[in-house]
N, C-alpha and C. Protein backbone atom coordinates (compact mmCIF):
# COMPACT_ATOMS: atom_id res chain seq x y z
N MET A 1 15.88 27.54 29.31
CA MET A 1 15.41 26.28 28.75
C MET A 1 16.19 25.11 29.31
N SER A 2 16.53 25.13 30.56
CA SER A 2 17.28 24.00 31.08
C SER A 2 16.42 23.22 32.05
N LYS A 3 16.61 21.93 32.03
CA LYS A 3 15.87 21.02 32.90
C LYS A 3 16.91 20.16 33.59
N VAL A 4 16.90 20.18 34.89
CA VAL A 4 17.86 19.37 35.64
C VAL A 4 17.09 18.30 36.37
N ASP A 5 17.45 17.04 36.18
CA ASP A 5 16.80 15.91 36.80
C ASP A 5 17.24 15.82 38.25
N SER A 6 16.30 15.75 39.20
CA SER A 6 16.65 15.72 40.61
C SER A 6 16.98 14.32 41.10
N SER A 7 16.69 13.29 40.35
CA SER A 7 17.00 11.93 40.77
C SER A 7 18.49 11.64 40.56
N ASN A 8 18.89 10.41 40.80
CA ASN A 8 20.29 10.04 40.66
C ASN A 8 20.70 9.80 39.22
N GLY A 9 19.80 9.95 38.28
CA GLY A 9 20.10 9.73 36.86
C GLY A 9 20.95 10.85 36.29
N PRO A 10 21.13 10.84 34.98
CA PRO A 10 21.97 11.86 34.34
C PRO A 10 21.32 13.24 34.41
N LYS A 11 22.15 14.28 34.48
CA LYS A 11 21.66 15.65 34.47
C LYS A 11 21.40 16.04 33.03
N ILE A 12 20.23 16.58 32.79
CA ILE A 12 19.82 16.92 31.43
C ILE A 12 19.68 18.44 31.31
N LYS A 13 20.33 19.00 30.28
CA LYS A 13 20.21 20.42 29.98
C LYS A 13 19.75 20.56 28.54
N ILE A 14 18.53 21.01 28.34
CA ILE A 14 17.96 21.14 27.00
C ILE A 14 18.57 22.35 26.30
N ILE A 15 19.03 22.12 25.07
CA ILE A 15 19.62 23.20 24.27
C ILE A 15 18.53 23.88 23.46
N THR A 16 17.78 23.09 22.68
CA THR A 16 16.69 23.64 21.89
C THR A 16 15.67 22.55 21.58
N THR A 17 14.45 22.96 21.29
CA THR A 17 13.39 22.03 20.95
C THR A 17 12.76 22.44 19.62
N ASN A 18 12.12 21.47 19.00
CA ASN A 18 11.38 21.70 17.76
C ASN A 18 9.91 21.82 18.15
N ARG A 19 9.43 23.04 18.34
CA ARG A 19 8.08 23.27 18.86
C ARG A 19 6.98 22.89 17.87
N ARG A 20 7.27 22.99 16.59
CA ARG A 20 6.25 22.70 15.59
C ARG A 20 6.06 21.20 15.37
N ALA A 21 6.92 20.38 15.92
CA ALA A 21 6.87 18.94 15.66
C ALA A 21 5.54 18.33 16.11
N SER A 22 5.12 18.61 17.34
CA SER A 22 3.88 18.00 17.83
C SER A 22 2.65 18.65 17.20
N TYR A 23 2.79 19.84 16.64
CA TYR A 23 1.67 20.48 15.95
C TYR A 23 1.49 19.91 14.55
N ASP A 24 2.58 19.70 13.83
CA ASP A 24 2.50 19.23 12.45
C ASP A 24 2.45 17.71 12.31
N PHE A 25 2.87 16.97 13.35
CA PHE A 25 2.96 15.52 13.26
C PHE A 25 2.31 14.87 14.47
N SER A 26 1.77 13.66 14.27
CA SER A 26 1.37 12.83 15.41
C SER A 26 2.51 11.86 15.67
N LEU A 27 3.05 11.91 16.88
CA LEU A 27 4.24 11.16 17.22
C LEU A 27 3.87 9.72 17.59
N VAL A 28 4.53 8.76 16.94
CA VAL A 28 4.26 7.34 17.17
C VAL A 28 5.19 6.78 18.24
N SER A 29 6.50 6.95 18.08
CA SER A 29 7.45 6.48 19.09
C SER A 29 8.67 7.40 19.09
N ARG A 30 9.36 7.43 20.24
CA ARG A 30 10.51 8.32 20.42
C ARG A 30 11.77 7.49 20.64
N PHE A 31 12.90 8.05 20.20
CA PHE A 31 14.21 7.42 20.36
C PHE A 31 15.21 8.47 20.82
N GLU A 32 16.24 8.02 21.54
CA GLU A 32 17.34 8.88 21.92
C GLU A 32 18.56 8.47 21.11
N ALA A 33 19.15 9.42 20.41
CA ALA A 33 20.30 9.12 19.56
C ALA A 33 21.47 10.02 19.93
N GLY A 34 22.67 9.49 19.78
CA GLY A 34 23.86 10.31 19.92
C GLY A 34 24.18 10.95 18.57
N ILE A 35 25.05 11.96 18.58
CA ILE A 35 25.42 12.64 17.34
C ILE A 35 26.94 12.71 17.27
N MET A 36 27.47 12.50 16.06
CA MET A 36 28.91 12.67 15.85
C MET A 36 29.17 14.15 15.57
N LEU A 37 29.87 14.82 16.50
CA LEU A 37 30.14 16.24 16.39
C LEU A 37 31.64 16.51 16.48
N THR A 38 32.04 17.68 15.99
CA THR A 38 33.41 18.12 16.16
C THR A 38 33.49 18.99 17.42
N GLY A 39 34.69 19.35 17.82
CA GLY A 39 34.89 20.11 19.05
C GLY A 39 34.24 21.48 19.04
N THR A 40 34.36 22.19 17.92
CA THR A 40 33.78 23.53 17.87
C THR A 40 32.26 23.48 17.85
N GLU A 41 31.67 22.39 17.33
CA GLU A 41 30.21 22.26 17.36
C GLU A 41 29.72 22.10 18.80
N VAL A 42 30.42 21.31 19.58
CA VAL A 42 30.04 21.12 20.98
C VAL A 42 30.16 22.44 21.75
N LYS A 43 31.21 23.20 21.48
CA LYS A 43 31.40 24.48 22.15
C LYS A 43 30.30 25.46 21.77
N ALA A 44 29.88 25.45 20.50
CA ALA A 44 28.78 26.32 20.07
C ALA A 44 27.48 25.88 20.74
N LEU A 45 27.27 24.57 20.90
CA LEU A 45 26.07 24.08 21.58
C LEU A 45 26.08 24.49 23.05
N ARG A 46 27.24 24.55 23.67
CA ARG A 46 27.32 24.99 25.07
C ARG A 46 26.90 26.45 25.21
N GLU A 47 26.98 27.22 24.13
CA GLU A 47 26.50 28.60 24.11
C GLU A 47 25.01 28.66 23.76
N ASN A 48 24.33 27.50 23.72
CA ASN A 48 22.91 27.39 23.37
C ASN A 48 22.59 27.93 21.99
N LYS A 49 23.48 27.66 21.04
CA LYS A 49 23.27 28.10 19.67
C LYS A 49 22.99 26.90 18.80
N CYS A 50 21.75 26.75 18.37
CA CYS A 50 21.36 25.63 17.51
C CYS A 50 19.95 25.88 17.00
N SER A 51 19.64 25.33 15.83
CA SER A 51 18.30 25.44 15.28
C SER A 51 17.88 24.11 14.64
N LEU A 52 16.71 23.63 15.03
CA LEU A 52 16.14 22.40 14.47
C LEU A 52 14.98 22.70 13.53
N GLN A 53 14.73 23.97 13.21
CA GLN A 53 13.53 24.35 12.46
C GLN A 53 13.44 23.68 11.10
N GLU A 54 14.52 23.66 10.34
CA GLU A 54 14.48 23.10 8.99
C GLU A 54 15.18 21.75 8.91
N ALA A 55 15.48 21.16 10.06
CA ALA A 55 16.22 19.90 10.10
C ALA A 55 15.31 18.72 9.77
N TYR A 56 15.90 17.73 9.11
CA TYR A 56 15.19 16.49 8.84
C TYR A 56 16.17 15.34 8.91
N ILE A 57 15.64 14.13 9.04
CA ILE A 57 16.47 12.95 9.24
C ILE A 57 16.22 11.98 8.10
N GLY A 58 17.31 11.41 7.58
CA GLY A 58 17.18 10.47 6.47
C GLY A 58 18.28 9.43 6.47
N PHE A 59 18.06 8.39 5.67
CA PHE A 59 19.03 7.31 5.53
C PHE A 59 19.99 7.63 4.39
N VAL A 60 21.26 7.33 4.60
CA VAL A 60 22.30 7.55 3.60
C VAL A 60 23.16 6.30 3.54
N LYS A 61 23.84 6.08 2.43
CA LYS A 61 24.77 4.96 2.26
C LYS A 61 24.07 3.61 2.42
N ASN A 62 23.29 3.24 1.44
CA ASN A 62 22.59 1.95 1.40
C ASN A 62 21.58 1.78 2.53
N GLY A 63 21.16 2.84 3.17
CA GLY A 63 20.15 2.76 4.20
C GLY A 63 20.63 2.18 5.52
N ASP A 64 21.95 2.09 5.72
CA ASP A 64 22.46 1.52 6.96
C ASP A 64 22.83 2.58 7.99
N GLU A 65 22.91 3.83 7.57
CA GLU A 65 23.30 4.90 8.47
C GLU A 65 22.25 6.01 8.44
N LEU A 66 22.00 6.58 9.60
CA LEU A 66 21.01 7.63 9.75
C LEU A 66 21.73 8.96 9.96
N PHE A 67 21.32 9.99 9.21
CA PHE A 67 21.95 11.31 9.29
C PHE A 67 20.89 12.37 9.55
N ILE A 68 21.29 13.42 10.27
CA ILE A 68 20.44 14.60 10.41
C ILE A 68 21.00 15.65 9.46
N MET A 69 20.12 16.18 8.63
CA MET A 69 20.52 17.16 7.63
C MET A 69 19.86 18.50 7.91
N ASN A 70 20.55 19.55 7.56
CA ASN A 70 20.05 20.92 7.66
C ASN A 70 19.91 21.43 9.10
N MET A 71 20.45 20.72 10.08
CA MET A 71 20.46 21.25 11.44
C MET A 71 21.55 22.32 11.49
N THR A 72 21.19 23.49 11.97
CA THR A 72 22.11 24.61 11.96
C THR A 72 22.77 24.77 13.33
N ILE A 73 24.08 24.61 13.35
CA ILE A 73 24.90 24.95 14.52
C ILE A 73 25.86 26.03 14.04
N PRO A 74 25.63 27.30 14.41
CA PRO A 74 26.49 28.37 13.90
C PRO A 74 27.94 28.19 14.33
N GLU A 75 28.84 28.82 13.61
CA GLU A 75 30.26 28.71 13.91
C GLU A 75 30.53 29.21 15.33
N TYR A 76 31.48 28.58 15.99
CA TYR A 76 31.87 28.95 17.34
C TYR A 76 32.52 30.33 17.31
N SER A 77 32.09 31.19 18.23
CA SER A 77 32.55 32.59 18.21
C SER A 77 34.06 32.72 18.44
N MET A 78 34.65 31.82 19.22
CA MET A 78 36.08 31.90 19.52
C MET A 78 36.89 30.96 18.63
N GLY A 79 36.25 30.40 17.60
CA GLY A 79 36.92 29.44 16.73
C GLY A 79 37.91 30.10 15.78
N ASN A 80 38.74 29.28 15.17
CA ASN A 80 39.72 29.79 14.21
C ASN A 80 39.41 29.21 12.84
N ARG A 81 40.39 29.05 12.00
CA ARG A 81 40.16 28.56 10.63
C ARG A 81 39.68 27.11 10.62
N GLU A 82 39.84 26.39 11.74
CA GLU A 82 39.39 25.00 11.84
C GLU A 82 37.93 24.90 12.27
N ASN A 83 37.19 26.00 12.19
CA ASN A 83 35.79 26.01 12.57
C ASN A 83 34.98 25.09 11.66
N HIS A 84 33.82 24.67 12.10
CA HIS A 84 32.99 23.72 11.37
C HIS A 84 32.06 24.43 10.40
N GLU A 85 31.49 23.65 9.48
CA GLU A 85 30.48 24.15 8.55
C GLU A 85 29.13 24.12 9.27
N PRO A 86 28.34 25.21 9.26
CA PRO A 86 27.13 25.28 10.09
C PRO A 86 26.03 24.25 9.76
N THR A 87 25.85 23.91 8.50
CA THR A 87 24.72 23.02 8.16
C THR A 87 25.17 21.69 7.56
N ARG A 88 26.28 21.17 8.01
CA ARG A 88 26.75 19.91 7.45
C ARG A 88 25.89 18.74 7.94
N ASN A 89 25.93 17.61 7.22
CA ASN A 89 25.22 16.42 7.63
C ASN A 89 25.96 15.78 8.80
N ARG A 90 25.20 15.38 9.81
CA ARG A 90 25.80 14.78 11.00
C ARG A 90 25.22 13.40 11.23
N LYS A 91 26.11 12.43 11.47
CA LYS A 91 25.69 11.05 11.65
C LYS A 91 25.06 10.85 13.02
N LEU A 92 23.94 10.10 13.05
CA LEU A 92 23.29 9.76 14.30
C LEU A 92 23.75 8.38 14.75
N LEU A 93 23.92 8.21 16.03
CA LEU A 93 24.41 6.96 16.59
C LEU A 93 23.26 6.24 17.29
N LEU A 94 22.84 5.13 16.69
CA LEU A 94 21.78 4.28 17.22
C LEU A 94 22.20 2.83 17.13
N HIS A 95 21.52 1.96 17.87
CA HIS A 95 21.76 0.53 17.75
C HIS A 95 21.21 0.04 16.41
N LYS A 96 21.78 -1.04 15.89
CA LYS A 96 21.35 -1.56 14.59
C LYS A 96 19.89 -1.96 14.60
N ARG A 97 19.41 -2.52 15.71
CA ARG A 97 17.99 -2.93 15.76
C ARG A 97 17.06 -1.71 15.72
N GLU A 98 17.50 -0.59 16.31
CA GLU A 98 16.68 0.62 16.26
C GLU A 98 16.67 1.20 14.84
N ILE A 99 17.82 1.17 14.17
CA ILE A 99 17.89 1.66 12.79
C ILE A 99 17.02 0.80 11.89
N LYS A 100 17.05 -0.51 12.08
CA LYS A 100 16.23 -1.42 11.27
C LYS A 100 14.75 -1.17 11.51
N LYS A 101 14.37 -0.95 12.78
CA LYS A 101 12.98 -0.66 13.10
C LYS A 101 12.51 0.63 12.43
N LEU A 102 13.36 1.67 12.51
CA LEU A 102 13.02 2.94 11.88
C LEU A 102 12.91 2.80 10.36
N LYS A 103 13.86 2.07 9.77
CA LYS A 103 13.86 1.88 8.32
C LYS A 103 12.60 1.15 7.86
N ASP A 104 12.21 0.11 8.59
CA ASP A 104 11.00 -0.64 8.23
C ASP A 104 9.76 0.23 8.35
N ASN A 105 9.68 1.06 9.38
CA ASN A 105 8.51 1.92 9.57
C ASN A 105 8.45 3.07 8.57
N VAL A 106 9.61 3.56 8.13
CA VAL A 106 9.63 4.65 7.15
C VAL A 106 9.13 4.14 5.80
N LYS A 107 9.36 2.85 5.52
CA LYS A 107 8.87 2.29 4.26
C LYS A 107 7.34 2.29 4.20
N GLU A 108 6.67 2.31 5.38
CA GLU A 108 5.22 2.41 5.38
C GLU A 108 4.82 3.76 4.79
N LYS A 109 3.60 3.81 4.29
CA LYS A 109 3.13 5.04 3.66
C LYS A 109 2.96 6.16 4.69
N GLY A 110 3.63 7.27 4.43
CA GLY A 110 3.42 8.47 5.23
C GLY A 110 4.22 8.59 6.51
N MET A 111 5.05 7.63 6.84
CA MET A 111 5.83 7.73 8.07
C MET A 111 7.12 8.49 7.80
N THR A 112 7.60 9.23 8.79
CA THR A 112 8.82 9.99 8.67
C THR A 112 9.52 10.06 10.02
N ILE A 113 10.78 10.47 10.02
CA ILE A 113 11.54 10.63 11.26
C ILE A 113 11.84 12.12 11.42
N ILE A 114 11.52 12.66 12.59
CA ILE A 114 11.73 14.09 12.83
C ILE A 114 12.54 14.30 14.11
N PRO A 115 13.34 15.36 14.17
CA PRO A 115 14.04 15.70 15.41
C PRO A 115 13.11 16.47 16.35
N LEU A 116 13.14 16.12 17.64
CA LEU A 116 12.30 16.81 18.62
C LEU A 116 13.08 17.80 19.46
N GLN A 117 14.21 17.35 20.03
CA GLN A 117 15.01 18.26 20.84
C GLN A 117 16.45 17.77 20.90
N ILE A 118 17.34 18.71 21.17
CA ILE A 118 18.74 18.39 21.34
C ILE A 118 19.13 18.86 22.74
N TYR A 119 19.90 18.02 23.46
CA TYR A 119 20.21 18.32 24.85
C TYR A 119 21.51 17.66 25.27
N PHE A 120 22.04 18.14 26.39
CA PHE A 120 23.20 17.53 27.03
C PHE A 120 22.69 16.55 28.08
N SER A 121 23.16 15.31 28.02
CA SER A 121 22.91 14.32 29.05
C SER A 121 24.26 14.09 29.72
N ASP A 122 24.43 14.67 30.89
CA ASP A 122 25.75 14.79 31.54
C ASP A 122 26.66 15.56 30.59
N HIS A 123 27.70 14.94 30.05
CA HIS A 123 28.61 15.64 29.14
C HIS A 123 28.40 15.25 27.68
N LEU A 124 27.43 14.37 27.40
CA LEU A 124 27.18 13.90 26.04
C LEU A 124 26.04 14.68 25.39
N VAL A 125 26.16 14.91 24.09
CA VAL A 125 25.09 15.58 23.34
C VAL A 125 24.17 14.50 22.77
N LYS A 126 22.89 14.62 23.06
CA LYS A 126 21.90 13.65 22.59
C LYS A 126 20.83 14.38 21.78
N LEU A 127 20.21 13.62 20.89
CA LEU A 127 19.13 14.14 20.06
C LEU A 127 17.94 13.23 20.25
N GLU A 128 16.79 13.80 20.60
CA GLU A 128 15.57 13.01 20.70
C GLU A 128 14.87 13.08 19.35
N ILE A 129 14.64 11.91 18.77
CA ILE A 129 13.97 11.84 17.47
C ILE A 129 12.67 11.06 17.64
N ALA A 130 11.77 11.21 16.69
CA ALA A 130 10.49 10.52 16.77
C ALA A 130 10.08 10.00 15.41
N LEU A 131 9.45 8.86 15.43
CA LEU A 131 8.80 8.30 14.25
C LEU A 131 7.40 8.92 14.23
N ALA A 132 7.02 9.55 13.13
CA ALA A 132 5.81 10.35 13.13
C ALA A 132 5.04 10.22 11.83
N LYS A 133 3.74 10.55 11.92
CA LYS A 133 2.88 10.66 10.74
C LYS A 133 2.43 12.11 10.63
N PRO A 134 2.45 12.68 9.43
CA PRO A 134 1.99 14.07 9.28
C PRO A 134 0.50 14.20 9.58
N LYS A 135 0.13 15.31 10.23
CA LYS A 135 -1.28 15.57 10.52
C LYS A 135 -1.92 16.27 9.33
N LYS A 136 -3.17 15.98 9.12
CA LYS A 136 -3.96 16.71 8.13
C LYS A 136 -4.43 18.01 8.78
N ASN A 137 -4.98 18.92 7.96
CA ASN A 137 -5.43 20.21 8.50
C ASN A 137 -6.51 20.06 9.54
N PHE A 138 -7.46 19.13 9.35
CA PHE A 138 -8.53 18.97 10.32
C PHE A 138 -8.01 18.39 11.63
N ASP A 139 -6.96 17.59 11.56
CA ASP A 139 -6.34 17.07 12.78
C ASP A 139 -5.72 18.20 13.58
N LYS A 140 -5.10 19.16 12.88
CA LYS A 140 -4.48 20.29 13.56
C LYS A 140 -5.55 21.15 14.24
N ARG A 141 -6.69 21.33 13.56
CA ARG A 141 -7.77 22.11 14.16
C ARG A 141 -8.33 21.42 15.39
N GLU A 142 -8.46 20.09 15.33
CA GLU A 142 -8.95 19.34 16.49
C GLU A 142 -8.02 19.47 17.68
N SER A 143 -6.73 19.36 17.44
CA SER A 143 -5.78 19.44 18.55
C SER A 143 -5.76 20.83 19.16
N THR A 144 -5.89 21.90 18.35
CA THR A 144 -5.93 23.24 18.92
C THR A 144 -7.21 23.46 19.71
N LYS A 145 -8.35 22.92 19.24
CA LYS A 145 -9.60 23.03 20.00
C LYS A 145 -9.49 22.32 21.33
N LYS A 146 -8.88 21.14 21.31
CA LYS A 146 -8.72 20.37 22.54
C LYS A 146 -7.84 21.12 23.54
N LYS A 147 -6.75 21.74 23.06
CA LYS A 147 -5.88 22.52 23.95
C LYS A 147 -6.62 23.72 24.53
N GLU A 148 -7.45 24.39 23.70
CA GLU A 148 -8.19 25.55 24.18
C GLU A 148 -9.20 25.16 25.25
N VAL A 149 -9.89 24.03 25.06
CA VAL A 149 -10.86 23.56 26.05
C VAL A 149 -10.16 23.23 27.36
N GLU A 150 -9.03 22.54 27.29
CA GLU A 150 -8.28 22.22 28.51
C GLU A 150 -7.80 23.48 29.22
N ARG A 151 -7.34 24.45 28.46
CA ARG A 151 -6.88 25.72 29.03
C ARG A 151 -8.03 26.45 29.72
N ASP A 152 -9.21 26.47 29.08
CA ASP A 152 -10.38 27.14 29.67
C ASP A 152 -10.82 26.44 30.95
N LEU A 153 -10.79 25.11 30.97
CA LEU A 153 -11.17 24.37 32.18
C LEU A 153 -10.20 24.66 33.32
N LYS A 154 -8.92 24.74 33.01
CA LYS A 154 -7.94 25.05 34.05
C LYS A 154 -8.18 26.45 34.61
N ARG A 155 -8.49 27.42 33.74
CA ARG A 155 -8.75 28.77 34.20
C ARG A 155 -10.01 28.83 35.06
N LYS A 156 -11.03 28.08 34.63
CA LYS A 156 -12.33 28.13 35.30
C LYS A 156 -12.25 27.54 36.70
N TYR A 157 -11.55 26.43 36.85
CA TYR A 157 -11.52 25.74 38.13
C TYR A 157 -10.27 26.04 38.95
N LYS A 158 -9.50 27.01 38.51
CA LYS A 158 -8.32 27.42 39.28
C LYS A 158 -8.77 28.26 40.46
N VAL A 159 -8.24 28.00 41.62
CA VAL A 159 -8.66 28.71 42.84
C VAL A 159 -7.91 30.00 43.01
């Protein structure tokens, strides 16, 4: 699951993705956020150990700070008693204008913030998040039909 950018930009190595995000939600806009981590959490991420399945993002402390909750980073295998707690809340690092934009959009009916993927950008750990609206059941059926039609067309016209 690694992707290396061939241009002169930063090298990106994807740790894990949230595959159900685009199925359950229609994505409105995407943001790149940094995460405040401890040393053993970064070492565990270097072993590609992480889960975004039950993770969600919310505002804490008067709505001025954004946190990711329930993201699971298992304890580092070579860690000692100073190891981290696997599902602790982790602060996201964004510009104030981005936090304000997200906060204003979440106040709208039905909008939410979801994690999409976590990755290394050079030596920094980044989290891609998205402002999203939940899909209804008929929307999910439409998107799966559309994917099936595209897949069939590719098979049919493939040489």
